[in-house]
C-alpha cells in the first residue's frame, strides 16, 4: 500500500482484513515460545494518515477502532502528529499499543526478515543493541512527559499489565518485518484478555463511510466499514450527502481478497451478505455525493424512513460548519470527502494567513468548475481564480479552458505541496503588488530640522533632521501643515554616517535630500525654517495602500500616528 501512496505518506483511510488463519500463520514463530491460544475470528486493520493536516481523517479512524497502534519513529521520537493522535486516542478512551518503528535504522542493524523482535535483537552487536536501548528510553521519557507510562512489552511485569494505563512498546521495522509478529500477537492478547466484552458481536448494524470513490466500470462506489451487524444485497440503505439524506438500494457488496488493502486495485469478490467487522465496497445509485465519516443505516421492515433519515443527518450538521465556504477565495477539489475536509481544515487553520475557499468539489476537474472560479477575476480578486486540486485528474480540455479563462490549477498528491505552490504564487503576487503600491503608499512620519545641519537651502534642499515619530522613507512627500500645508518636496535620499539607506525610524538623526520639481524656488529660511515640523503628506489612497500591502511593516505606534495625521489633513 505504502508504495502506491504519494511520498510514502498515507493520504486516506483504508481497511485491510486478516483472517484467523493469516493471524495464526503470521504469529506461528513467536507462538512457539509464547504458547498463546488465539481465539479471535479475524482482525480488521484501518490505516489512518499520519501527518498533521489529516486530523479529521485520523479522528475518523480512531473513533471506529477497538484498539489502536500508535507508530513512533524510533529515530525522530514523538512528532506533532504523533502527539495529536495520542490526544485523540485518550479523548476517545481507546486502548493502544506503541510500535517503535524503524529499528532497522539503528547503526549496523543485521536484518532478520519477519522474525520476532527478540530473536532479531539477539543477532545484533552490542553497539547496535545499546543504540536501540538509548533511543527506546528517549521515547519512553517523551511519552512520560505527556503522562503516558510505557515499557518494552516483554519487560513489563504482571502489575503493569493489570494496570490499565501502562502502554506496551513494541520495536518494529515495517520494511524488513521484524516485530510485526509481536504486534499482531499483542493485539490479539489485548483483545482477548481486556476487551472481549466490548468485542462481542451484536446484530445491530453499525456502519461508517470511509471513502467515496469513482471506479472505472463500477461508477461511484462507497467504501464502508461494517463494525457490527449485517449488510445484505438489496437492502434499502440511507446515506448522508451534502444535499440531504438519500435512500438507495444496495446493488452490490464487494470485498478485496483477504489481507489486501481496500484501496489497492485488485479483483473484488462479490457477496450476498456481509457480517461485521469488515471493510466493504458498496455499489448503488446516486452515491456520488455521499460524505465520508458519516453513518450508514438500513431501513428495516418496522422502521420509519424519515426517522432514519434524521438520524443519519445528525452528524452532518456539525460537519456543515467545517465545509461552509467564503464569498471570495480559491476553489478546492479533492478525490474524497475526507481529503477535502482535511484540506479545508489545513487551509483555514494551519496556514498563516488562512487561505479563503469559495467553492469545493469532489472528483475530476471539468470545464464547469473552471468557469465557476473564473468569476473571481471579475470580482477583482484574480489571485483567487485558482483551483487547488488534491489527488484528482485534470483532463486536457479543462487545462486548456483554464488557460483561456485565466485560471490557475495547482495539482499535487500531497497536501503540503499544494500549500507550498499556492504560497509561492501568493508571495510573488504580493511582492509585485507591493512594488506597484509603493508609489501610492506613504509611511507616516513627523520630522524636525536640525538648524546646525543645513547643507543646502534651495533645490535640492539638503538638511539634517531628526525623526520625531513614525518611519521616514525615500519617496515620502513632505509638507508643513502650519504654513497652509505648504508642499516642501519629496525625499529622494536618506544618509546616516555617510551611508545611504531606504528608511529611518523614530529617534534617528539623518541627512535628507528634498527635491521639489513643481516649485524649485522653495527655499529653507524663506517659506519655512527649523521652527516648523515637516509631516508626511497622507491622503485616503495612501492610507488604504498602507493597510492593504504594508500592514506588517508598521507597528502599533505608527498606526496611532496615522490616526493623528488623518485629523491634521482632515481625511475621513
Protein backbone atom coordinates (compact mmCIF):
# COMPACT_ATOMS: atom_id res chain seq x y z
CA UNK A 1 0.00 0.00 0.00
CA UNK A 2 2.78 2.35 1.03
CA UNK A 3 4.31 2.14 -2.43
CA UNK A 4 1.05 3.26 -4.01
CA UNK A 5 0.85 6.34 -1.78
CA UNK A 6 2.34 9.66 -2.79
CA UNK A 7 5.54 10.44 -0.94
CA UNK A 8 5.09 7.32 1.18
CA UNK A 9 2.55 9.15 3.33
CA UNK A 10 -0.88 7.62 3.96
CA UNK A 11 -3.28 10.08 2.34
CA UNK A 12 -6.62 8.37 3.05
CA UNK A 13 -8.07 5.75 5.33
CA UNK A 14 -8.01 2.19 4.06
CA UNK A 15 -9.07 -1.09 5.62
CA UNK A 16 -7.38 -4.50 5.47
CA UNK A 17 -8.85 -7.73 6.80
CA UNK A 18 -6.74 -10.53 8.35
CA UNK A 19 -8.44 -13.90 8.61
CA UNK A 20 -7.78 -16.16 11.60
CA UNK A 21 -5.57 -18.49 9.57
CA UNK A 22 -3.48 -15.50 8.43
CA UNK A 23 -3.06 -14.37 12.04
CA UNK A 24 -2.03 -17.89 13.07
CA UNK A 25 0.45 -18.19 10.21
CA UNK A 26 1.95 -14.75 10.92
CA UNK A 27 2.45 -15.35 14.62
CA UNK A 28 3.49 -19.03 14.40
CA UNK A 29 7.20 -18.46 15.08
CA UNK A 30 6.55 -16.26 18.11
CA UNK A 31 3.86 -18.59 19.41
CA UNK A 32 6.38 -21.41 19.77
CA UNK A 33 7.65 -19.59 22.87
CA UNK A 34 4.54 -17.60 23.87
CA UNK A 35 2.09 -20.56 23.80
CA UNK A 36 -0.88 -18.22 23.39
CA UNK A 37 -4.26 -19.69 22.47
CA UNK A 38 -5.59 -17.46 19.70
CA UNK A 39 -9.40 -17.37 19.51
CA UNK A 40 -10.03 -14.21 17.51
CA UNK A 41 -12.06 -14.90 14.35
CA UNK A 42 -10.02 -12.25 12.48
CA UNK A 43 -8.74 -8.71 12.61
CA UNK A 44 -9.64 -5.63 10.59
CA UNK A 45 -6.86 -3.08 10.35
CA UNK A 46 -7.64 0.53 9.42
CA UNK A 47 -4.72 2.57 8.19
CA UNK A 48 -5.03 6.27 9.08
CA UNK A 49 -2.83 9.08 7.75
CA UNK A 50 -0.05 10.28 9.97
CA UNK A 51 0.82 13.84 9.15
CA UNK A 52 -0.81 16.80 10.85
CA UNK A 53 -3.17 18.08 8.17
CA UNK A 54 -5.15 14.85 8.40
CA UNK A 55 -6.58 15.27 11.87
CA UNK A 56 -10.13 14.58 10.80
CA UNK A 57 -9.21 11.53 8.74
CA UNK A 58 -7.32 10.28 11.79
CA UNK A 59 -10.07 11.05 14.28
CA UNK A 60 -12.46 9.25 11.94
CA UNK A 61 -10.17 6.21 12.12
CA UNK A 62 -9.68 6.36 15.88
CA UNK A 63 -13.40 6.62 16.57
CA UNK A 64 -14.03 3.39 14.64
CA UNK A 65 -11.47 1.18 16.31
CA UNK A 66 -11.40 -1.00 19.43
CA UNK A 67 -7.64 -0.94 19.86
CA UNK A 68 -5.03 1.21 18.14
CA UNK A 69 -1.37 1.05 17.16
CA UNK A 70 0.40 4.36 17.68
CA UNK A 71 3.51 4.41 15.50
CA UNK A 72 6.51 6.31 16.84
CA UNK A 73 9.59 6.83 14.73
CA UNK A 74 12.46 5.48 16.83
CA UNK A 75 14.85 7.86 15.05
CA UNK A 76 12.84 11.07 15.46
CA UNK A 77 10.83 10.47 18.63
CA UNK A 78 7.39 11.99 19.08
CA UNK A 79 6.37 14.33 16.28
CA UNK A 80 3.48 16.79 16.27
CA UNK A 81 1.11 14.40 14.52
CA UNK A 82 2.00 11.57 16.91
CA UNK A 83 1.09 13.79 19.85
CA UNK A 84 -2.20 14.74 18.13
CA UNK A 85 -3.04 11.07 17.52
CA UNK A 86 -2.22 10.29 21.14
CA UNK A 87 -4.56 13.07 22.26
CA UNK A 88 -7.36 11.65 20.10
CA UNK A 89 -6.92 8.14 21.48
CA UNK A 90 -7.05 9.47 25.03
CA UNK A 91 -10.09 11.66 24.32
CA UNK A 92 -11.94 8.64 22.97
CA UNK A 93 -10.56 6.28 25.64
CA UNK A 94 -9.22 3.87 23.01
CA UNK A 95 -6.66 1.36 24.35
CA UNK A 96 -3.47 1.36 22.31
CA UNK A 97 -0.02 -0.15 21.90
CA UNK A 98 3.04 1.73 20.67
CA UNK A 99 5.10 0.50 17.73
CA UNK A 100 8.66 1.85 17.92
CA UNK A 101 9.20 1.73 14.18
CA UNK A 102 12.38 1.85 12.08
CA UNK A 103 14.63 -0.27 14.34
CA UNK A 104 16.40 -1.30 11.15
CA UNK A 105 17.82 2.25 11.01
CA UNK A 106 19.98 1.58 14.08
CA UNK A 107 23.67 1.53 13.16
CA UNK A 108 24.88 -1.78 11.72
CA UNK A 109 21.48 -3.48 12.06
CA UNK A 110 21.50 -7.02 10.73
CA UNK A 111 18.21 -7.76 9.02
CA UNK A 112 16.30 -10.83 10.19
CA UNK A 113 13.32 -10.68 7.89
CA UNK A 114 9.89 -11.10 9.55
CA UNK A 115 11.35 -12.58 12.72
CA UNK A 116 10.09 -11.89 16.27
CA UNK A 117 11.88 -8.82 17.60
CA UNK A 118 13.66 -10.58 20.49
CA UNK A 119 15.18 -13.09 18.07
CA UNK A 120 16.32 -10.22 15.86
CA UNK A 121 17.89 -8.36 18.79
CA UNK A 122 19.90 -11.46 19.77
CA UNK A 123 21.58 -11.32 16.35
CA UNK A 124 22.78 -7.72 16.76
CA UNK A 125 26.15 -6.48 18.02
CA UNK A 126 26.41 -4.85 21.47
CA UNK A 127 26.75 -1.37 19.96
CA UNK A 128 23.53 -1.76 17.95
CA UNK A 129 21.60 -3.03 20.97
CA UNK A 130 23.00 -0.15 23.02
CA UNK A 131 21.79 2.39 20.44
CA UNK A 132 18.38 0.74 20.35
CA UNK A 133 18.15 0.86 24.17
CA UNK A 134 19.13 4.56 24.27
CA UNK A 135 16.60 5.57 21.63
CA UNK A 136 13.84 3.45 23.19
CA UNK A 137 14.39 5.05 26.59
CA UNK A 138 14.28 8.53 24.96
CA UNK A 139 10.88 7.63 23.50
CA UNK A 140 9.77 6.39 26.94
CA UNK A 141 10.75 9.71 28.52
CA UNK A 142 8.91 11.69 25.83
CA UNK A 143 5.78 9.61 26.43
CA UNK A 144 6.17 10.10 30.16
CA UNK A 145 6.26 13.87 29.66
CA UNK A 146 2.81 13.51 28.07
CA UNK A 147 1.62 11.44 31.03
CA UNK A 148 1.86 8.01 29.39
CA UNK A 149 3.60 5.21 31.32
CA UNK A 150 5.17 2.70 28.99
CA UNK A 151 7.69 -0.09 28.85
CA UNK A 152 9.09 -2.54 26.30
CA UNK A 153 6.43 -5.20 26.31
CA UNK A 154 8.50 -8.24 27.38
CA UNK A 155 9.93 -6.25 30.29
CA UNK A 156 6.51 -5.38 31.69
CA UNK A 157 5.65 -7.11 34.96
CA UNK A 158 2.23 -8.57 35.79
CA UNK A 159 1.38 -5.39 37.70
CA UNK A 160 1.99 -3.30 34.58
CA UNK A 161 -0.31 -5.49 32.52
CA UNK A 162 -3.13 -5.31 35.05
CA UNK A 163 -2.60 -1.59 35.49
CA UNK A 164 -4.60 -0.34 32.54
CA UNK A 165 -2.70 2.91 31.96
CA UNK A 166 0.59 1.11 31.18
CA UNK A 167 1.25 1.01 27.43
CA UNK A 168 3.43 -1.71 25.86
CA UNK A 169 6.19 -0.62 23.44
CA UNK A 170 6.92 -2.97 20.55
CA UNK A 171 10.07 -2.37 18.48
CA UNK A 172 9.32 -2.99 14.80
CA UNK A 173 10.59 -2.47 11.30
CA UNK A 174 7.84 -2.01 8.73
CA UNK A 175 10.31 -2.52 5.90
CA UNK A 176 12.05 -5.72 6.99
CA UNK A 177 9.19 -7.06 9.12
CA UNK A 178 10.94 -7.58 12.47
CA UNK A 179 8.48 -7.22 15.33
CA UNK A 180 5.34 -7.33 13.17
CA UNK A 181 4.52 -10.78 14.63
CA UNK A 182 4.85 -9.29 18.09
CA UNK A 183 2.35 -6.53 17.30
CA UNK A 184 -0.24 -8.96 15.91
CA UNK A 185 0.22 -11.25 18.87
CA UNK A 186 -0.08 -8.42 21.37
CA UNK A 187 -3.22 -7.02 19.74
CA UNK A 188 -4.80 -10.48 19.89
CA UNK A 189 -3.82 -10.82 23.56
CA UNK A 190 -5.23 -7.41 24.48
CA UNK A 191 -8.42 -8.13 22.55
CA UNK A 192 -8.95 -11.50 24.25
CA UNK A 193 -7.87 -10.55 27.76
CA UNK A 194 -9.13 -7.00 28.19
CA UNK A 195 -11.66 -6.12 25.52
CA UNK A 196 -13.57 -9.34 24.97
CA UNK A 197 -16.83 -7.91 26.36
CA UNK A 198 -16.97 -4.91 24.05
CA UNK A 199 -15.78 -7.03 21.13
CA UNK A 200 -18.74 -9.37 21.37
CA UNK A 201 -20.52 -9.14 18.05
CA UNK A 202 -24.09 -7.80 18.02
CA UNK A 203 -26.65 -7.83 15.26
CA UNK A 204 -27.43 -4.07 15.28
CA UNK A 205 -25.89 -2.56 12.19
CA UNK A 206 -23.03 -0.20 12.94
CA UNK A 207 -21.57 1.06 9.72
CA UNK A 208 -19.49 4.11 8.73
CA UNK A 209 -18.50 5.54 5.36
CA UNK A 210 -14.73 5.60 4.90
CA UNK A 211 -14.40 6.93 1.37
CA UNK A 212 -16.32 7.81 -1.76
CA UNK A 213 -14.52 6.83 -4.95
CA UNK A 214 -15.38 6.70 -8.64
CA UNK A 215 -14.10 3.40 -10.08
CA UNK A 216 -13.97 2.54 -13.77
CA UNK A 217 -16.64 0.05 -14.68
CA UNK A 218 -18.43 0.29 -11.33
CA UNK A 219 -19.34 4.01 -11.23
CA UNK A 220 -19.32 5.76 -7.86
CA UNK A 221 -18.69 3.32 -5.05
CA UNK A 222 -18.63 3.86 -1.31
CA UNK A 223 -16.10 2.15 0.95
CA UNK A 224 -17.82 1.44 4.26
CA UNK A 225 -16.68 -0.21 7.43
CA UNK A 226 -19.24 -2.62 8.87
CA UNK A 227 -18.37 -2.84 12.57
CA UNK A 228 -21.42 -4.79 13.75
CA UNK A 229 -24.50 -6.31 12.18
CA UNK A 230 -25.24 -7.36 8.60
CA UNK A 231 -25.36 -5.65 5.22
CA UNK A 232 -27.23 -7.55 2.53
CA UNK A 233 -27.54 -7.06 -1.20
CA UNK A 234 -30.92 -5.45 -1.93
CA UNK A 235 -31.05 -3.65 1.46
CA UNK A 236 -32.60 -0.18 1.46
CA UNK A 237 -29.76 1.93 2.89
CA UNK A 238 -29.79 5.58 3.96
CA UNK A 239 -26.66 7.62 3.25
CA UNK A 240 -25.83 11.17 4.19
CA UNK A 241 -24.94 13.70 1.45
CA UNK A 242 -24.29 17.42 1.27
CA UNK A 243 -27.78 17.87 -0.20
CA UNK A 244 -29.65 15.86 2.40
CA UNK A 245 -30.17 12.12 3.02
CA UNK A 246 -30.55 9.66 0.15
CA UNK A 247 -32.21 6.24 0.22
CA UNK A 248 -30.79 3.73 -2.23
CA UNK A 249 -30.88 0.01 -2.81
CA UNK A 250 -27.53 -1.76 -2.36
CA UNK A 251 -26.81 -3.29 -5.76
CA UNK A 252 -23.53 -4.93 -4.90
CA UNK A 253 -21.23 -5.70 -1.97
CA UNK A 254 -17.58 -6.19 -2.88
CA UNK A 255 -14.56 -7.00 -0.75
CA UNK A 256 -10.91 -7.23 -1.72
CA UNK A 257 -9.29 -10.64 -1.24
CA UNK A 258 -8.34 -11.22 2.45
CA UNK A 259 -5.18 -9.46 3.66
CA UNK A 260 -5.36 -6.99 0.81
CA UNK A 261 -5.97 -3.26 1.17
CA UNK A 262 -9.33 -1.88 0.11
CA UNK A 263 -7.70 0.92 -1.90
CA UNK A 264 -5.23 -1.25 -3.79
CA UNK A 265 -6.74 -2.18 -7.14
CA UNK A 266 -7.26 -5.92 -7.22
CA UNK A 267 -10.03 -8.31 -8.25
CA UNK A 268 -13.00 -7.87 -5.94
CA UNK A 269 -15.09 -10.70 -4.50
CA UNK A 270 -18.91 -10.34 -4.72
CA UNK A 271 -21.08 -11.11 -1.68
CA UNK A 272 -24.80 -11.50 -0.99
CA UNK A 273 -24.38 -10.76 2.70
CA UNK A 274 -21.65 -9.20 4.82
CA UNK A 275 -21.19 -9.69 8.54
CA UNK A 276 -19.09 -7.20 10.57
CA UNK A 277 -16.35 -6.36 11.10
CA UNK A 278 -15.28 -5.90 7.51
CA UNK A 279 -14.37 -3.22 5.02
CA UNK A 280 -16.81 -3.35 2.11
CA UNK A 281 -17.19 -1.53 -1.19
CA UNK A 282 -20.87 -0.77 -1.78
CA UNK A 283 -22.43 -0.18 -5.22
CA UNK A 284 -25.71 1.72 -5.56
CA UNK A 285 -27.37 4.62 -7.35
CA UNK A 286 -26.70 8.29 -6.59
CA UNK A 287 -23.78 7.68 -4.23
CA UNK A 288 -21.51 10.37 -5.70
CA UNK A 289 -22.41 12.97 -3.05
CA UNK A 290 -22.15 10.66 0.00
CA UNK A 291 -19.90 12.09 2.70
CA UNK A 292 -17.06 10.17 4.29
CA UNK A 293 -17.20 9.78 8.05
CA UNK A 294 -21.00 9.64 8.22
CA UNK A 295 -23.05 6.67 9.40
CA UNK A 296 -24.95 4.31 7.10
CA UNK A 297 -28.29 2.91 8.24
CA UNK A 298 -30.55 0.27 6.77
CA UNK A 299 -34.33 0.70 6.73
CA UNK A 300 -35.84 -2.36 8.43
CA UNK A 301 -39.40 -3.65 7.96
CA UNK A 302 -40.69 -1.79 11.06
CA UNK A 303 -38.70 1.44 10.60
CA UNK A 304 -39.93 4.88 9.61
CA UNK A 305 -37.76 6.13 6.74
CA UNK A 306 -37.99 9.76 7.95
CA UNK A 307 -36.66 8.89 11.43
CA UNK A 308 -33.70 7.07 9.95
CA UNK A 309 -33.03 9.97 7.58
CA UNK A 310 -32.96 12.41 10.51
CA UNK A 311 -30.58 10.22 12.49
CA UNK A 312 -28.19 9.77 9.56
CA UNK A 313 -28.06 13.53 9.03
CA UNK A 314 -27.37 14.43 12.66
CA UNK A 315 -23.59 14.26 12.22
CA UNK A 316 -23.64 16.36 9.09
CA UNK A 317 -24.89 19.45 10.84
CA UNK A 318 -21.59 19.53 12.74
CA UNK A 319 -19.63 18.88 9.56
CA UNK A 320 -21.50 21.54 7.61
CA UNK A 321 -19.87 24.28 9.64
CA UNK A 322 -16.46 22.95 8.61
CA UNK A 323 -17.33 22.88 4.93
CA UNK A 324 -19.03 26.29 4.75
CA UNK A 325 -17.29 28.43 2.15
CA UNK A 326 -16.28 32.09 1.95
CA UNK A 327 -17.59 34.69 -0.53
CA UNK A 328 -14.14 35.21 -2.01
CA UNK A 329 -11.49 32.53 -2.19
CA UNK A 330 -9.94 29.69 -4.15
CA UNK A 331 -11.64 26.50 -5.28
CA UNK A 332 -10.63 23.26 -3.62
CA UNK A 333 -11.11 19.94 -5.37
CA UNK A 334 -10.20 16.60 -3.78
CA UNK A 335 -10.59 12.92 -4.57
CA UNK A 336 -12.62 12.05 -1.47
CA UNK A 337 -14.61 13.91 1.10
CA UNK A 338 -12.23 13.05 3.89
CA UNK A 339 -9.34 14.50 1.90
CA UNK A 340 -11.43 17.59 1.11
CA UNK A 341 -12.24 18.03 4.78
CA UNK A 342 -8.57 17.64 5.73
CA UNK A 343 -7.50 20.08 3.02
CA UNK A 344 -10.08 22.67 4.10
CA UNK A 345 -9.03 22.41 7.72
CA UNK A 346 -5.39 22.71 6.71
CA UNK A 347 -6.00 25.81 4.56
CA UNK A 348 -8.15 27.53 7.17
CA UNK A 349 -6.49 26.65 10.44
CA UNK A 350 -2.92 25.53 9.84
CA UNK A 351 -1.84 28.10 7.27
CA UNK A 352 -0.81 31.60 8.09
CA UNK A 353 -2.54 33.62 6.79
CA UNK A 354 -5.56 31.33 6.21
CA UNK A 355 -6.44 30.73 2.56
CA UNK A 356 -10.14 31.51 1.92
CA UNK A 357 -12.14 28.89 -0.02
CA UNK A 358 -15.17 29.93 -2.06
CA UNK A 359 -16.03 26.64 -3.76
CA UNK A 360 -15.47 22.95 -3.13
CA UNK A 361 -15.79 19.86 -5.25
CA UNK A 362 -15.00 16.15 -5.35
CA UNK A 363 -13.56 14.21 -8.25
CA UNK A 364 -12.21 15.13 -11.69
CA UNK A 365 -11.98 18.82 -12.58
CA UNK A 366 -14.16 19.78 -15.53
CA UNK A 367 -14.76 22.93 -17.60
CA UNK A 368 -17.73 23.85 -15.43
CA UNK A 369 -15.50 24.10 -12.34
CA UNK A 370 -13.05 26.31 -14.23
CA UNK A 371 -15.83 28.66 -15.37
CA UNK A 372 -17.23 28.80 -11.84
CA UNK A 373 -13.99 30.01 -10.25
CA UNK A 374 -13.08 32.35 -13.13
CA UNK A 375 -15.74 34.71 -11.68
CA UNK A 376 -13.05 35.73 -9.14
CA UNK A 377 -11.30 37.62 -11.98
CA UNK A 378 -14.42 39.75 -12.43
CA UNK A 379 -14.78 40.24 -8.67
CA UNK A 380 -11.37 41.91 -8.62
CA UNK A 381 -9.58 39.03 -6.88
CA UNK A 382 -7.58 37.45 -9.71
CA UNK A 383 -5.34 35.64 -7.19
CA UNK A 384 -8.35 33.55 -6.13
CA UNK A 385 -9.10 32.45 -9.69
CA UNK A 386 -7.21 29.33 -8.65
CA UNK A 387 -8.10 25.66 -8.24
CA UNK A 388 -6.18 23.62 -5.66
CA UNK A 389 -6.53 20.04 -6.86
CA UNK A 390 -5.57 17.28 -4.45
CA UNK A 391 -5.14 13.81 -5.90
CA UNK A 392 -7.60 14.40 -8.77
CA UNK A 393 -7.08 14.16 -12.54
CA UNK A 394 -7.18 17.32 -14.68
CA UNK A 395 -8.28 16.50 -18.26
CA UNK A 396 -6.61 18.36 -21.11
CA UNK A 397 -9.72 20.29 -22.11
CA UNK A 398 -10.11 21.60 -18.53
CA UNK A 399 -6.44 22.68 -18.54
CA UNK A 400 -6.85 24.48 -21.89
CA UNK A 401 -10.09 26.10 -20.72
CA UNK A 402 -8.30 27.30 -17.58
CA UNK A 403 -5.58 29.00 -19.64
CA UNK A 404 -8.29 30.66 -21.70
CA UNK A 405 -10.21 31.87 -18.63
CA UNK A 406 -7.03 32.95 -16.82
CA UNK A 407 -7.46 30.37 -14.03
CA UNK A 408 -4.51 28.62 -12.41
CA UNK A 409 -4.76 24.94 -11.46
CA UNK A 410 -2.27 23.71 -8.85
CA UNK A 411 -2.17 19.93 -8.58
CA UNK A 412 -0.42 17.72 -6.06
CA UNK A 413 -0.91 14.40 -4.40
CA UNK A 414 0.49 15.59 -1.08
CA UNK A 415 -1.41 18.32 0.74
CA UNK A 416 1.75 20.14 1.85
CA UNK A 417 2.92 20.54 -1.74
CA UNK A 418 -0.35 22.21 -2.73
CA UNK A 419 0.03 24.71 0.06
CA UNK A 420 3.66 25.39 -0.90
CA UNK A 421 2.73 26.02 -4.53
CA UNK A 422 -0.06 28.42 -3.63
CA UNK A 423 2.07 30.20 -1.01
CA UNK A 424 4.86 30.78 -3.53
CA UNK A 425 2.35 32.14 -6.02
CA UNK A 426 0.86 34.49 -3.38
CA UNK A 427 4.29 35.69 -2.23
CA UNK A 428 5.29 36.62 -5.78
CA UNK A 429 1.94 38.30 -6.33
CA UNK A 430 2.12 40.28 -3.07
CA UNK A 431 5.69 41.32 -3.86
CA UNK A 432 4.55 42.65 -7.23
CA UNK A 433 1.58 44.41 -5.64
CA UNK A 434 3.84 45.96 -3.01
CA UNK A 435 6.07 47.32 -5.73
CA UNK A 436 3.04 48.76 -7.53
CA UNK A 437 1.64 50.19 -4.29
CA UNK A 438 4.95 51.66 -3.12
CA UNK A 439 4.34 54.70 -5.33
CA UNK A 440 0.97 55.41 -3.63
CA UNK A 441 1.64 54.25 -0.07
CA UNK A 442 3.10 56.96 2.16
CA UNK A 443 4.55 55.97 5.52
CA UNK A 444 3.58 58.27 8.39
CA UNK A 445 6.35 60.47 9.87
CA UNK A 446 6.95 63.78 11.62
CA UNK A 447 10.48 65.19 11.37
CA UNK A 448 12.31 68.14 12.93
CA UNK A 449 15.01 70.05 11.07
CA UNK A 450 18.34 70.39 12.95
CA UNK A 451 19.28 74.10 12.26
CA UNK A 452 23.03 73.47 12.81
CA UNK A 453 22.98 70.91 9.95
CA UNK A 454 21.63 72.82 6.96
CA UNK A 455 23.87 72.00 3.97
CA UNK A 456 21.85 73.39 1.05
CA UNK A 457 18.86 75.76 1.37
CA UNK A 458 17.49 75.55 -2.15
CA UNK A 459 16.70 72.89 -4.79
CA UNK A 460 17.78 70.36 -3.78
CA UNK A 461 17.32 71.18 -0.10
CA UNK A 462 19.83 69.15 1.96
CA UNK A 463 19.32 69.25 5.72
CA UNK A 464 19.98 67.21 8.82
CA UNK A 465 16.76 66.05 10.53
CA UNK A 466 15.58 64.02 13.49
CA UNK A 467 12.68 61.60 13.04
CA UNK A 468 10.33 62.57 15.88
CA UNK A 469 7.65 60.00 15.12
CA UNK A 470 6.95 57.22 12.63
CA UNK A 471 9.02 56.00 9.66
CA UNK A 472 10.68 58.30 7.12
CA UNK A 473 11.11 56.58 3.77
CA UNK A 474 12.73 57.54 0.46
CA UNK A 475 9.92 58.84 -1.79
CA UNK A 476 7.92 60.40 1.07
CA UNK A 477 6.26 63.75 0.15
CA UNK A 478 6.77 66.32 2.95
CA UNK A 479 4.65 69.34 3.84
CA UNK A 480 4.32 71.99 6.55
CA UNK A 481 0.72 71.89 7.88
CA UNK A 482 1.28 75.07 9.93
CA UNK A 483 2.02 77.02 6.69
CA UNK A 484 -1.29 76.13 4.98
CA UNK A 485 0.01 72.65 4.05
CA UNK A 486 2.99 74.05 2.09
CA UNK A 487 4.41 71.25 -0.12
CA UNK A 488 8.18 71.21 0.56
CA UNK A 489 9.08 68.37 -1.83
CA UNK A 490 9.83 64.66 -2.00
CA UNK A 491 12.63 62.91 -0.06
CA UNK A 492 14.95 61.49 -2.73
CA UNK A 493 17.71 60.16 -0.45
CA UNK A 494 18.46 59.47 3.22
CA UNK A 495 22.02 59.25 4.60
CA UNK A 496 23.33 58.22 8.01
CA UNK A 497 27.07 58.28 8.80
CA UNK A 498 27.83 58.69 5.11
CA UNK A 499 25.81 55.61 4.12
CA UNK A 500 22.62 55.74 2.09
CA UNK A 501 19.55 53.95 3.43
CA UNK A 502 15.91 53.43 2.47
CA UNK A 503 14.24 54.25 5.80
CA UNK A 504 14.84 55.99 9.12
CA UNK A 505 12.77 55.16 12.19
CA UNK A 506 11.76 57.23 15.22
CA UNK A 507 14.76 58.74 17.07
CA UNK A 508 17.21 58.55 14.14
CA UNK A 509 19.21 61.63 13.09
CA UNK A 510 19.87 61.58 9.33
CA UNK A 511 20.68 63.87 6.41
CA UNK A 512 17.99 64.05 3.72
CA UNK A 513 17.77 65.49 0.22
CA UNK A 514 14.42 67.07 -0.75
CA UNK A 515 13.56 67.81 -4.40
CA UNK A 516 10.55 69.86 -5.49
CA UNK A 517 10.06 69.67 -9.26
CA UNK A 518 6.84 71.73 -9.27
CA UNK A 519 8.26 74.61 -7.23
CA UNK A 520 12.08 74.65 -7.45
CA UNK A 521 12.25 78.15 -5.91
CA UNK A 522 11.11 76.92 -2.49
CA UNK A 523 13.90 77.81 -0.02
CA UNK A 524 14.76 76.87 3.53
CA UNK A 525 14.78 80.02 5.68
CA UNK A 526 12.27 81.87 3.47
CA UNK A 527 8.99 79.86 3.19
CA UNK A 528 9.83 77.59 6.15
CA UNK A 529 12.59 77.05 8.73
CA UNK A 530 13.68 74.88 11.68
CA UNK A 531 10.76 76.10 13.83
CA UNK A 532 8.38 74.20 11.55
CA UNK A 533 7.94 70.42 11.80
CA UNK A 534 7.68 68.57 8.49
CA UNK A 535 4.92 65.97 8.06
CA UNK A 536 4.44 63.08 5.58
CA UNK A 537 1.64 64.12 3.23
CA UNK A 538 -1.06 61.44 3.64
CA UNK A 539 -4.35 61.03 1.77
CA UNK A 540 -7.08 58.37 1.74
CA UNK A 541 -5.47 56.40 -1.13
CA UNK A 542 -2.06 56.27 0.57
CA UNK A 543 -3.60 55.07 3.87
CA UNK A 544 -5.57 52.34 2.04
CA UNK A 545 -2.40 51.19 0.26
CA UNK A 546 -0.62 51.01 3.63
CA UNK A 547 -3.41 48.91 5.14
CA UNK A 548 -3.57 46.64 2.15
CA UNK A 549 0.10 45.92 1.45
CA UNK A 550 2.28 47.16 4.30
CA UNK A 551 0.29 46.27 7.40
CA UNK A 552 3.12 44.12 8.76
CA UNK A 553 5.72 46.88 8.26
CA UNK A 554 4.01 49.31 10.68
CA UNK A 555 3.90 48.93 14.44
CA UNK A 556 1.06 49.96 16.76
CA UNK A 557 2.52 53.40 17.45
CA UNK A 558 2.93 54.00 13.69
CA UNK A 559 -0.78 53.30 13.21
CA UNK A 560 -1.54 55.74 16.07
CA UNK A 561 0.42 58.36 14.13
CA UNK A 562 -1.64 57.58 11.02
CA UNK A 563 -4.80 58.34 13.06
CA UNK A 564 -3.22 61.59 14.31
CA UNK A 565 -2.24 62.66 10.77
CA UNK A 566 -5.75 61.87 9.49
CA UNK A 567 -7.01 64.63 11.81
CA UNK A 568 -4.25 67.01 10.69
CA UNK A 569 -5.11 66.53 6.99
CA UNK A 570 -8.88 66.20 7.57
CA UNK A 571 -9.03 62.70 6.00
CA UNK A 572 -12.32 60.89 6.61
